[in-house]
């Protein structure tokens, strides 16, 4: 039984997926939008945006796990199949829809904010509107279309080399296990590393 991680590549023969084929998919990008609007909504707003994205992630995970369970013909394999698809979907979604994109956006927003500050362009207002806050937001939002597919593709490959492979019992030998462990470890390290970089960048302009 092989379960492939939820990737950005759409099977033309697959049934309509409300979590991927409808505007509901954009809920997965709520935290990226929150990061982009950080200057306006503050830390509380950013955290709330992650909550919205998390709701989408868990809804998609539950839906796919439930369908996998119900779609398994072998009664003895129902729970196993449902669990595999659930874990696979949850891992992919958390990495590709929440942690990786959010950390990239925060770096871009903080970098732009500090650059404006160092160039003494912060605090510029036009008719009472703070332009210096709007610029990082625009940069953050503008970054989203350019990072979605690269991140999805990277996580697809990483999942196939690690989590999906392990869940399906395809790990063969110590070397294979080492590659899988190193791959998923690298995936988990990227977001906190980028958040730390973003914090360091922000401190420069403080």
N, C-alpha and C. Protein backbone atom coordinates (compact mmCIF):
# COMPACT_ATOMS: atom_id res chain seq x y z
N UNK A 1 0.85 -1.20 0.00
CA UNK A 1 0.00 0.00 0.00
C UNK A 1 0.88 1.24 0.00
N UNK A 2 0.84 2.03 -1.04
CA UNK A 2 1.67 3.22 -1.15
C UNK A 2 0.80 4.47 -1.07
N UNK A 3 1.25 5.41 -0.26
CA UNK A 3 0.53 6.67 -0.13
C UNK A 3 1.47 7.79 -0.51
N UNK A 4 1.08 8.58 -1.47
CA UNK A 4 1.92 9.68 -1.93
C UNK A 4 1.52 10.96 -1.22
N UNK A 5 2.51 11.74 -0.80
CA UNK A 5 2.23 13.00 -0.12
C UNK A 5 1.40 13.90 -1.00
N UNK A 6 0.59 14.74 -0.38
CA UNK A 6 -0.24 15.66 -1.13
C UNK A 6 0.64 16.68 -1.81
N UNK A 7 0.74 16.59 -3.09
CA UNK A 7 1.63 17.47 -3.83
C UNK A 7 0.86 18.51 -4.62
N UNK A 8 1.63 19.42 -5.21
CA UNK A 8 1.02 20.46 -6.01
C UNK A 8 0.62 19.97 -7.39
N UNK A 9 1.03 18.76 -7.77
CA UNK A 9 0.70 18.22 -9.09
C UNK A 9 -0.68 17.57 -9.06
N UNK A 10 -1.57 18.04 -9.91
CA UNK A 10 -2.95 17.59 -9.91
C UNK A 10 -3.18 16.47 -10.92
N UNK A 11 -3.74 15.38 -10.44
CA UNK A 11 -4.10 14.26 -11.32
C UNK A 11 -5.40 14.65 -12.04
N UNK A 12 -5.38 14.74 -13.38
CA UNK A 12 -6.58 15.16 -14.11
C UNK A 12 -7.77 14.23 -13.92
N UNK A 13 -7.53 13.00 -13.50
CA UNK A 13 -8.61 12.05 -13.31
C UNK A 13 -9.09 11.98 -11.85
N UNK A 14 -8.46 12.76 -10.99
CA UNK A 14 -8.82 12.74 -9.57
C UNK A 14 -10.15 13.46 -9.36
N UNK A 15 -10.93 13.04 -8.36
CA UNK A 15 -12.20 13.71 -8.08
C UNK A 15 -11.97 15.12 -7.53
N UNK A 16 -13.01 15.95 -7.63
CA UNK A 16 -12.92 17.34 -7.15
C UNK A 16 -12.58 17.37 -5.67
N UNK A 17 -11.55 18.11 -5.33
CA UNK A 17 -11.08 18.22 -3.95
C UNK A 17 -11.32 19.64 -3.47
N UNK A 18 -12.30 19.83 -2.60
CA UNK A 18 -12.67 21.17 -2.14
C UNK A 18 -11.51 21.87 -1.43
N UNK A 19 -10.62 21.09 -0.83
CA UNK A 19 -9.50 21.69 -0.11
C UNK A 19 -8.36 22.12 -1.03
N UNK A 20 -8.39 21.65 -2.28
CA UNK A 20 -7.31 21.97 -3.22
C UNK A 20 -7.81 22.67 -4.48
N UNK A 21 -9.06 22.41 -4.86
CA UNK A 21 -9.57 22.92 -6.13
C UNK A 21 -10.49 24.12 -5.99
N UNK A 22 -10.80 24.53 -4.77
CA UNK A 22 -11.69 25.66 -4.55
C UNK A 22 -10.93 26.79 -3.85
N UNK A 23 -11.55 27.96 -3.72
CA UNK A 23 -10.90 29.08 -3.04
C UNK A 23 -10.52 28.76 -1.59
N UNK A 24 -11.08 27.67 -1.05
CA UNK A 24 -10.76 27.27 0.31
C UNK A 24 -9.26 27.00 0.46
N UNK A 25 -8.61 26.67 -0.65
CA UNK A 25 -7.17 26.39 -0.62
C UNK A 25 -6.38 27.57 -0.07
N UNK A 26 -6.88 28.79 -0.31
CA UNK A 26 -6.15 29.97 0.12
C UNK A 26 -6.11 30.13 1.64
N UNK A 27 -6.95 29.37 2.35
CA UNK A 27 -6.86 29.39 3.81
C UNK A 27 -5.49 28.88 4.26
N UNK A 28 -4.89 28.02 3.44
CA UNK A 28 -3.58 27.50 3.77
C UNK A 28 -2.50 28.56 3.70
N UNK A 29 -2.80 29.68 3.04
CA UNK A 29 -1.84 30.77 2.92
C UNK A 29 -2.16 31.91 3.88
N UNK A 30 -3.10 31.70 4.78
CA UNK A 30 -3.51 32.76 5.70
C UNK A 30 -2.35 33.27 6.54
N UNK A 31 -1.49 32.36 6.98
CA UNK A 31 -0.37 32.80 7.81
C UNK A 31 0.64 33.62 7.03
N UNK A 32 0.81 33.32 5.72
CA UNK A 32 1.71 34.13 4.91
C UNK A 32 1.17 35.55 4.78
N UNK A 33 -0.14 35.67 4.61
CA UNK A 33 -0.77 36.98 4.53
C UNK A 33 -0.60 37.70 5.87
N UNK A 34 -0.75 36.96 6.96
CA UNK A 34 -0.56 37.54 8.29
C UNK A 34 0.85 38.06 8.47
N UNK A 35 1.83 37.29 8.00
CA UNK A 35 3.23 37.73 8.09
C UNK A 35 3.44 39.00 7.27
N UNK A 36 2.83 39.06 6.10
CA UNK A 36 2.98 40.23 5.24
C UNK A 36 2.36 41.48 5.86
N UNK A 37 1.25 41.30 6.59
CA UNK A 37 0.56 42.42 7.22
C UNK A 37 0.99 42.64 8.67
N UNK A 38 2.12 42.07 9.05
CA UNK A 38 2.59 42.15 10.44
C UNK A 38 2.67 43.59 10.96
N UNK A 39 3.07 44.52 10.10
CA UNK A 39 3.22 45.91 10.52
C UNK A 39 1.88 46.54 10.89
N UNK A 40 0.80 46.00 10.35
CA UNK A 40 -0.52 46.56 10.61
C UNK A 40 -1.31 45.79 11.67
N UNK A 41 -1.15 44.47 11.70
CA UNK A 41 -1.96 43.66 12.62
C UNK A 41 -1.23 43.28 13.90
N UNK A 42 0.08 43.49 13.95
CA UNK A 42 0.84 43.17 15.16
C UNK A 42 1.03 41.68 15.35
N UNK A 43 1.70 41.32 16.45
CA UNK A 43 2.01 39.91 16.71
C UNK A 43 0.75 39.09 16.92
N UNK A 44 -0.26 39.69 17.57
CA UNK A 44 -1.52 38.97 17.81
C UNK A 44 -2.20 38.59 16.50
N UNK A 45 -2.20 39.52 15.56
CA UNK A 45 -2.81 39.26 14.27
C UNK A 45 -2.08 38.18 13.49
N UNK A 46 -0.75 38.20 13.61
CA UNK A 46 0.06 37.19 12.92
C UNK A 46 -0.24 35.80 13.48
N UNK A 47 -0.30 35.71 14.82
CA UNK A 47 -0.60 34.44 15.47
C UNK A 47 -1.98 33.95 15.05
N UNK A 48 -2.95 34.87 14.98
CA UNK A 48 -4.31 34.50 14.58
C UNK A 48 -4.32 33.95 13.15
N UNK A 49 -3.49 34.53 12.29
CA UNK A 49 -3.44 34.05 10.90
C UNK A 49 -2.91 32.62 10.83
N UNK A 50 -2.00 32.29 11.74
CA UNK A 50 -1.50 30.91 11.80
C UNK A 50 -2.61 29.97 12.27
N UNK A 51 -3.49 30.49 13.13
CA UNK A 51 -4.62 29.70 13.59
C UNK A 51 -5.57 29.36 12.46
N UNK A 52 -5.81 30.33 11.57
CA UNK A 52 -6.67 30.10 10.41
C UNK A 52 -6.06 29.05 9.50
N UNK A 53 -4.75 29.18 9.26
CA UNK A 53 -4.06 28.20 8.40
C UNK A 53 -4.10 26.81 9.03
N UNK A 54 -3.96 26.76 10.35
CA UNK A 54 -3.98 25.47 11.05
C UNK A 54 -5.34 24.80 10.91
N UNK A 55 -6.42 25.59 10.97
CA UNK A 55 -7.76 25.03 10.81
C UNK A 55 -7.89 24.37 9.44
N UNK A 56 -7.36 25.03 8.43
CA UNK A 56 -7.40 24.47 7.07
C UNK A 56 -6.60 23.17 7.01
N UNK A 57 -5.42 23.20 7.59
CA UNK A 57 -4.54 22.02 7.58
C UNK A 57 -5.22 20.83 8.23
N UNK A 58 -5.79 21.04 9.41
CA UNK A 58 -6.41 19.93 10.14
C UNK A 58 -7.69 19.45 9.45
N UNK A 59 -8.43 20.38 8.84
CA UNK A 59 -9.64 19.99 8.12
C UNK A 59 -9.29 19.11 6.92
N UNK A 60 -8.26 19.51 6.17
CA UNK A 60 -7.83 18.72 5.02
C UNK A 60 -7.29 17.36 5.46
N UNK A 61 -6.54 17.37 6.55
CA UNK A 61 -5.97 16.13 7.08
C UNK A 61 -7.07 15.15 7.50
N UNK A 62 -8.05 15.66 8.24
CA UNK A 62 -9.17 14.82 8.70
C UNK A 62 -9.94 14.27 7.51
N UNK A 63 -10.21 15.14 6.53
CA UNK A 63 -10.98 14.74 5.36
C UNK A 63 -10.28 13.62 4.58
N UNK A 64 -9.00 13.78 4.33
CA UNK A 64 -8.28 12.77 3.55
C UNK A 64 -8.07 11.48 4.33
N UNK A 65 -7.85 11.61 5.64
CA UNK A 65 -7.71 10.41 6.46
C UNK A 65 -9.00 9.62 6.51
N UNK A 66 -10.12 10.34 6.64
CA UNK A 66 -11.45 9.71 6.70
C UNK A 66 -11.76 9.00 5.38
N UNK A 67 -11.47 9.67 4.27
CA UNK A 67 -11.75 9.08 2.96
C UNK A 67 -10.87 7.85 2.71
N UNK A 68 -9.63 7.92 3.18
CA UNK A 68 -8.73 6.77 3.01
C UNK A 68 -9.24 5.57 3.81
N UNK A 69 -9.71 5.86 5.03
CA UNK A 69 -10.26 4.81 5.89
C UNK A 69 -11.48 4.17 5.24
N UNK A 70 -12.39 5.02 4.79
CA UNK A 70 -13.63 4.52 4.20
C UNK A 70 -13.41 3.85 2.85
N UNK A 71 -12.35 4.27 2.15
CA UNK A 71 -12.10 3.73 0.82
C UNK A 71 -11.31 2.44 0.80
N UNK A 72 -10.79 2.03 1.94
CA UNK A 72 -10.02 0.78 2.02
C UNK A 72 -10.97 -0.41 2.07
N UNK A 73 -10.87 -1.28 1.08
CA UNK A 73 -11.77 -2.44 1.01
C UNK A 73 -11.47 -3.49 2.06
N UNK A 74 -10.21 -3.64 2.41
CA UNK A 74 -9.80 -4.64 3.40
C UNK A 74 -10.08 -4.11 4.81
N UNK A 75 -11.04 -4.71 5.49
CA UNK A 75 -11.43 -4.26 6.82
C UNK A 75 -10.25 -4.24 7.80
N UNK A 76 -9.34 -5.18 7.64
CA UNK A 76 -8.19 -5.26 8.54
C UNK A 76 -7.17 -4.15 8.28
N UNK A 77 -7.27 -3.49 7.14
CA UNK A 77 -6.30 -2.46 6.77
C UNK A 77 -6.86 -1.03 6.85
N UNK A 78 -8.15 -0.92 7.20
CA UNK A 78 -8.80 0.40 7.23
C UNK A 78 -8.09 1.39 8.16
N UNK A 79 -7.87 0.98 9.40
CA UNK A 79 -7.24 1.87 10.38
C UNK A 79 -5.83 2.23 9.95
N UNK A 80 -5.10 1.23 9.47
CA UNK A 80 -3.72 1.47 9.04
C UNK A 80 -3.66 2.46 7.89
N UNK A 81 -4.51 2.25 6.90
CA UNK A 81 -4.50 3.14 5.74
C UNK A 81 -4.91 4.55 6.13
N UNK A 82 -5.94 4.65 6.96
CA UNK A 82 -6.39 5.97 7.41
C UNK A 82 -5.30 6.70 8.18
N UNK A 83 -4.58 5.97 9.03
CA UNK A 83 -3.52 6.57 9.83
C UNK A 83 -2.36 7.03 8.96
N UNK A 84 -2.00 6.22 7.97
CA UNK A 84 -0.90 6.56 7.07
C UNK A 84 -1.21 7.84 6.29
N UNK A 85 -2.39 7.89 5.71
CA UNK A 85 -2.77 9.07 4.92
C UNK A 85 -2.89 10.30 5.81
N UNK A 86 -3.40 10.12 7.02
CA UNK A 86 -3.54 11.24 7.96
C UNK A 86 -2.17 11.82 8.31
N UNK A 87 -1.24 10.96 8.70
CA UNK A 87 0.10 11.43 9.07
C UNK A 87 0.83 12.04 7.88
N UNK A 88 0.67 11.43 6.72
CA UNK A 88 1.32 11.92 5.52
C UNK A 88 0.81 13.31 5.15
N UNK A 89 -0.51 13.45 5.16
CA UNK A 89 -1.14 14.73 4.81
C UNK A 89 -0.79 15.81 5.82
N UNK A 90 -0.86 15.49 7.11
CA UNK A 90 -0.58 16.47 8.15
C UNK A 90 0.86 16.97 8.06
N UNK A 91 1.79 16.05 7.89
CA UNK A 91 3.20 16.44 7.79
C UNK A 91 3.44 17.34 6.59
N UNK A 92 2.91 16.94 5.45
CA UNK A 92 3.09 17.73 4.23
C UNK A 92 2.49 19.12 4.39
N UNK A 93 1.27 19.19 4.90
CA UNK A 93 0.58 20.46 5.03
C UNK A 93 1.29 21.40 6.01
N UNK A 94 1.71 20.88 7.15
CA UNK A 94 2.38 21.73 8.13
C UNK A 94 3.65 22.33 7.56
N UNK A 95 4.39 21.52 6.81
CA UNK A 95 5.63 22.02 6.22
C UNK A 95 5.38 22.96 5.04
N UNK A 96 4.54 22.53 4.10
CA UNK A 96 4.36 23.28 2.86
C UNK A 96 3.39 24.45 2.95
N UNK A 97 2.42 24.39 3.86
CA UNK A 97 1.42 25.45 3.93
C UNK A 97 1.60 26.40 5.11
N UNK A 98 2.31 25.96 6.14
CA UNK A 98 2.41 26.78 7.34
C UNK A 98 3.83 27.23 7.64
N UNK A 99 4.68 26.30 8.04
CA UNK A 99 5.99 26.67 8.58
C UNK A 99 6.97 27.24 7.56
N UNK A 100 7.16 26.56 6.46
CA UNK A 100 8.14 27.05 5.48
C UNK A 100 7.74 28.40 4.87
N UNK A 101 6.54 28.53 4.30
CA UNK A 101 6.17 29.81 3.69
C UNK A 101 6.19 30.97 4.69
N UNK A 102 5.66 30.74 5.89
CA UNK A 102 5.62 31.80 6.89
C UNK A 102 6.99 32.31 7.26
N UNK A 103 7.95 31.41 7.38
CA UNK A 103 9.30 31.81 7.75
C UNK A 103 9.97 32.60 6.63
N UNK A 104 9.74 32.21 5.38
CA UNK A 104 10.30 32.95 4.25
C UNK A 104 9.72 34.35 4.18
N UNK A 105 8.41 34.47 4.36
CA UNK A 105 7.75 35.77 4.30
C UNK A 105 8.24 36.68 5.41
N UNK A 106 8.44 36.14 6.61
CA UNK A 106 8.89 36.98 7.71
C UNK A 106 10.28 37.55 7.43
N UNK A 107 11.14 36.74 6.83
CA UNK A 107 12.48 37.22 6.47
C UNK A 107 12.36 38.38 5.48
N UNK A 108 11.52 38.23 4.47
CA UNK A 108 11.36 39.26 3.45
C UNK A 108 10.79 40.55 4.04
N UNK A 109 9.77 40.41 4.89
CA UNK A 109 9.13 41.58 5.50
C UNK A 109 10.11 42.31 6.41
N UNK A 110 10.80 41.57 7.27
CA UNK A 110 11.76 42.19 8.18
C UNK A 110 12.92 42.83 7.44
N UNK A 111 13.39 42.17 6.40
CA UNK A 111 14.50 42.71 5.60
C UNK A 111 14.10 44.03 4.96
N UNK A 112 12.90 44.08 4.40
CA UNK A 112 12.42 45.30 3.76
C UNK A 112 12.23 46.41 4.78
N UNK A 113 11.68 46.07 5.94
CA UNK A 113 11.46 47.06 7.00
C UNK A 113 12.77 47.67 7.46
N UNK A 114 13.76 46.82 7.70
CA UNK A 114 15.07 47.30 8.17
C UNK A 114 15.76 48.12 7.08
N UNK A 115 15.63 47.69 5.83
CA UNK A 115 16.25 48.43 4.72
C UNK A 115 15.68 49.84 4.64
N UNK A 116 14.38 49.97 4.82
CA UNK A 116 13.75 51.29 4.80
C UNK A 116 14.23 52.14 5.96
N UNK A 117 14.39 51.49 7.12
CA UNK A 117 14.85 52.21 8.30
C UNK A 117 16.28 52.71 8.13
N UNK A 118 17.15 51.85 7.62
CA UNK A 118 18.55 52.23 7.42
C UNK A 118 18.69 53.31 6.34
N UNK A 119 17.75 53.32 5.41
CA UNK A 119 17.77 54.33 4.35
C UNK A 119 17.03 55.60 4.78
N UNK A 120 16.59 55.61 6.06
CA UNK A 120 15.85 56.74 6.63
C UNK A 120 14.57 57.05 5.84
N UNK A 121 13.94 55.97 5.39
CA UNK A 121 12.69 56.13 4.65
C UNK A 121 11.49 55.67 5.47
N UNK A 122 11.74 55.31 6.74
CA UNK A 122 10.63 54.88 7.60
C UNK A 122 9.88 56.10 8.12
N UNK A 123 8.64 55.91 8.43
CA UNK A 123 7.83 57.00 8.97
C UNK A 123 7.28 57.94 7.91
N UNK A 124 7.42 57.57 6.65
CA UNK A 124 6.88 58.41 5.57
C UNK A 124 5.37 58.24 5.49
N UNK A 125 4.65 59.35 5.55
CA UNK A 125 3.19 59.31 5.49
C UNK A 125 2.67 60.13 4.32
N UNK A 126 1.62 59.63 3.71
CA UNK A 126 0.94 60.35 2.63
C UNK A 126 -0.53 60.45 3.00
N UNK A 127 -0.97 61.65 3.26
CA UNK A 127 -2.35 61.88 3.69
C UNK A 127 -2.70 61.04 4.91
N UNK A 128 -1.75 60.94 5.83
CA UNK A 128 -1.98 60.20 7.07
C UNK A 128 -1.75 58.71 6.97
N UNK A 129 -1.43 58.21 5.77
CA UNK A 129 -1.19 56.78 5.58
C UNK A 129 0.30 56.50 5.65
N UNK A 130 0.68 55.53 6.49
CA UNK A 130 2.08 55.19 6.69
C UNK A 130 2.58 54.33 5.52
N UNK A 131 3.22 54.97 4.57
CA UNK A 131 3.73 54.27 3.38
C UNK A 131 4.83 53.29 3.74
N UNK A 132 5.64 53.64 4.74
CA UNK A 132 6.77 52.78 5.11
C UNK A 132 6.30 51.44 5.66
N UNK A 133 5.08 51.38 6.18
CA UNK A 133 4.53 50.11 6.65
C UNK A 133 3.94 49.32 5.48
N UNK A 134 3.43 50.05 4.51
CA UNK A 134 2.78 49.40 3.37
C UNK A 134 3.79 48.70 2.46
N UNK A 135 4.98 49.27 2.33
CA UNK A 135 5.98 48.70 1.42
C UNK A 135 6.38 47.28 1.83
N UNK A 136 6.74 47.02 3.11
CA UNK A 136 7.06 45.64 3.50
C UNK A 136 5.89 44.68 3.28
N UNK A 137 4.68 45.19 3.49
CA UNK A 137 3.49 44.36 3.27
C UNK A 137 3.36 43.97 1.81
N UNK A 138 3.58 44.93 0.92
CA UNK A 138 3.50 44.67 -0.51
C UNK A 138 4.58 43.67 -0.93
N UNK A 139 5.79 43.85 -0.39
CA UNK A 139 6.89 42.94 -0.71
C UNK A 139 6.55 41.52 -0.24
N UNK A 140 6.00 41.43 0.98
CA UNK A 140 5.64 40.12 1.53
C UNK A 140 4.58 39.42 0.70
N UNK A 141 3.53 40.16 0.34
CA UNK A 141 2.46 39.59 -0.48
C UNK A 141 2.97 39.23 -1.87
N UNK A 142 3.86 40.07 -2.40
CA UNK A 142 4.40 39.83 -3.73
C UNK A 142 5.31 38.62 -3.79
N UNK A 143 5.85 38.25 -2.63
CA UNK A 143 6.75 37.09 -2.57
C UNK A 143 5.98 35.77 -2.67
N UNK A 144 4.76 35.76 -2.16
CA UNK A 144 3.97 34.52 -2.08
C UNK A 144 3.88 33.74 -3.39
N UNK A 145 3.51 34.38 -4.51
CA UNK A 145 3.38 33.60 -5.76
C UNK A 145 4.68 32.95 -6.21
N UNK A 146 5.81 33.51 -5.78
CA UNK A 146 7.11 32.99 -6.22
C UNK A 146 7.64 31.85 -5.35
N UNK A 147 7.08 31.69 -4.15
CA UNK A 147 7.62 30.66 -3.26
C UNK A 147 6.72 29.43 -3.14
N UNK A 148 5.46 29.55 -3.51
CA UNK A 148 4.52 28.43 -3.31
C UNK A 148 4.96 27.17 -4.05
N UNK A 149 5.16 27.26 -5.37
CA UNK A 149 5.52 26.06 -6.14
C UNK A 149 6.90 25.52 -5.77
N UNK A 150 7.92 26.37 -5.61
CA UNK A 150 9.23 25.84 -5.20
C UNK A 150 9.18 25.13 -3.86
N UNK A 151 8.43 25.69 -2.91
CA UNK A 151 8.32 25.06 -1.60
C UNK A 151 7.55 23.75 -1.71
N UNK A 152 6.42 23.77 -2.43
CA UNK A 152 5.64 22.54 -2.61
C UNK A 152 6.49 21.44 -3.24
N UNK A 153 7.24 21.81 -4.27
CA UNK A 153 8.08 20.82 -4.95
C UNK A 153 9.16 20.26 -4.05
N UNK A 154 9.76 21.14 -3.24
CA UNK A 154 10.81 20.71 -2.32
C UNK A 154 10.26 19.76 -1.27
N UNK A 155 9.09 20.11 -0.72
CA UNK A 155 8.48 19.27 0.30
C UNK A 155 8.00 17.95 -0.30
N UNK A 156 7.50 17.99 -1.53
CA UNK A 156 7.11 16.75 -2.22
C UNK A 156 8.29 15.78 -2.26
N UNK A 157 9.43 16.28 -2.73
CA UNK A 157 10.63 15.44 -2.86
C UNK A 157 11.10 14.95 -1.50
N UNK A 158 11.12 15.86 -0.53
CA UNK A 158 11.59 15.50 0.81
C UNK A 158 10.69 14.44 1.44
N UNK A 159 9.38 14.58 1.26
CA UNK A 159 8.44 13.61 1.82
C UNK A 159 8.63 12.24 1.19
N UNK A 160 8.84 12.22 -0.13
CA UNK A 160 9.03 10.95 -0.83
C UNK A 160 10.31 10.25 -0.38
N UNK A 161 11.28 11.04 0.07
CA UNK A 161 12.56 10.48 0.52
C UNK A 161 12.55 10.10 1.99
N UNK A 162 11.53 10.57 2.73
CA UNK A 162 11.54 10.35 4.18
C UNK A 162 10.22 9.83 4.74
N UNK A 163 9.32 10.73 5.09
CA UNK A 163 8.09 10.36 5.79
C UNK A 163 7.21 9.39 5.01
N UNK A 164 6.90 9.74 3.76
CA UNK A 164 6.05 8.86 2.94
C UNK A 164 6.69 7.50 2.75
N UNK A 165 7.98 7.51 2.54
CA UNK A 165 8.73 6.27 2.35
C UNK A 165 8.67 5.41 3.61
N UNK A 166 8.85 6.03 4.75
CA UNK A 166 8.83 5.31 6.02
C UNK A 166 7.43 4.78 6.34
N UNK A 167 6.42 5.60 6.11
CA UNK A 167 5.05 5.19 6.40
C UNK A 167 4.62 3.99 5.57
N UNK A 168 5.18 3.88 4.39
CA UNK A 168 4.83 2.77 3.50
C UNK A 168 5.79 1.60 3.60
N UNK A 169 6.67 1.63 4.60
CA UNK A 169 7.59 0.52 4.81
C UNK A 169 8.60 0.32 3.70
N UNK A 170 9.01 1.42 3.07
CA UNK A 170 9.94 1.34 1.95
C UNK A 170 11.39 1.63 2.34
N UNK A 171 11.64 1.83 3.62
CA UNK A 171 13.01 2.07 4.08
C UNK A 171 13.79 0.76 4.03
N UNK A 172 14.87 0.74 3.28
CA UNK A 172 15.67 -0.47 3.12
C UNK A 172 17.10 -0.25 3.61
N UNK A 173 17.39 -0.74 4.79
CA UNK A 173 18.74 -0.66 5.30
C UNK A 173 19.05 0.61 6.07
N UNK A 174 20.20 0.60 6.72
CA UNK A 174 20.64 1.72 7.56
C UNK A 174 20.88 2.98 6.74
N UNK A 175 21.48 2.83 5.58
CA UNK A 175 21.76 4.00 4.74
C UNK A 175 20.48 4.70 4.32
N UNK A 176 19.50 3.93 3.93
CA UNK A 176 18.20 4.48 3.53
C UNK A 176 17.56 5.21 4.69
N UNK A 177 17.65 4.60 5.87
CA UNK A 177 17.08 5.21 7.07
C UNK A 177 17.79 6.52 7.40
N UNK A 178 19.11 6.52 7.22
CA UNK A 178 19.89 7.72 7.49
C UNK A 178 19.52 8.87 6.58
N UNK A 179 19.32 8.55 5.31
CA UNK A 179 18.92 9.57 4.33
C UNK A 179 17.55 10.13 4.69
N UNK A 180 16.63 9.25 5.06
CA UNK A 180 15.28 9.68 5.42
C UNK A 180 15.31 10.58 6.65
N UNK A 181 16.08 10.18 7.66
CA UNK A 181 16.17 10.96 8.89
C UNK A 181 16.81 12.32 8.63
N UNK A 182 17.87 12.32 7.85
CA UNK A 182 18.56 13.58 7.54
C UNK A 182 17.65 14.52 6.75
N UNK A 183 16.87 13.95 5.84
CA UNK A 183 15.99 14.76 4.99
C UNK A 183 14.90 15.44 5.80
N UNK A 184 14.19 14.67 6.63
CA UNK A 184 13.11 15.27 7.41
C UNK A 184 13.66 16.21 8.47
N UNK A 185 14.84 15.90 9.00
CA UNK A 185 15.47 16.78 9.99
C UNK A 185 15.78 18.13 9.36
N UNK A 186 16.30 18.09 8.14
CA UNK A 186 16.61 19.33 7.43
C UNK A 186 15.34 20.15 7.20
N UNK A 187 14.26 19.47 6.85
CA UNK A 187 12.98 20.16 6.63
C UNK A 187 12.49 20.85 7.90
N UNK A 188 12.68 20.19 9.03
CA UNK A 188 12.22 20.73 10.30
C UNK A 188 13.10 21.86 10.80
N UNK A 189 14.36 21.87 10.37
CA UNK A 189 15.30 22.89 10.83
C UNK A 189 15.12 24.21 10.08
N UNK A 190 14.69 24.14 8.83
CA UNK A 190 14.59 25.34 8.00
C UNK A 190 13.71 26.44 8.61
N UNK A 191 12.46 26.16 9.02
CA UNK A 191 11.61 27.23 9.56
C UNK A 191 12.19 27.94 10.78
N UNK A 192 12.58 27.22 11.87
CA UNK A 192 13.12 27.93 13.02
C UNK A 192 14.39 28.70 12.69
N UNK A 193 15.18 28.18 11.76
CA UNK A 193 16.40 28.87 11.35
C UNK A 193 16.05 30.20 10.68
N UNK A 194 15.08 30.16 9.78
CA UNK A 194 14.67 31.39 9.09
C UNK A 194 13.99 32.37 10.04
N UNK A 195 13.22 31.86 11.00
CA UNK A 195 12.60 32.75 11.98
C UNK A 195 13.67 33.43 12.83
N UNK A 196 14.74 32.70 13.14
CA UNK A 196 15.85 33.28 13.90
C UNK A 196 16.57 34.34 13.07
N UNK A 197 16.74 34.05 11.79
CA UNK A 197 17.36 35.03 10.89
C UNK A 197 16.50 36.28 10.81
N UNK A 198 15.19 36.09 10.71
CA UNK A 198 14.27 37.22 10.64
C UNK A 198 14.34 38.06 11.91
N UNK A 199 14.44 37.40 13.06
CA UNK A 199 14.54 38.11 14.34
C UNK A 199 15.84 38.90 14.41
N UNK A 200 16.92 38.31 13.92
CA UNK A 200 18.21 38.99 13.93
C UNK A 200 18.18 40.22 13.02
N UNK A 201 17.53 40.07 11.87
CA UNK A 201 17.40 41.19 10.94
C UNK A 201 16.59 42.31 11.57
N UNK A 202 15.50 41.94 12.24
CA UNK A 202 14.65 42.93 12.90
C UNK A 202 15.41 43.68 13.98
N UNK A 203 16.28 42.97 14.69
CA UNK A 203 17.07 43.58 15.76
C UNK A 203 18.02 44.65 15.22
N UNK A 204 18.46 44.48 13.99
CA UNK A 204 19.38 45.46 13.39
C UNK A 204 18.71 46.82 13.27
N UNK A 205 17.43 46.80 12.97
CA UNK A 205 16.73 48.07 12.80
C UNK A 205 16.10 48.60 14.07
N UNK A 206 16.27 47.87 15.17
CA UNK A 206 15.64 48.29 16.43
C UNK A 206 16.36 49.51 17.03
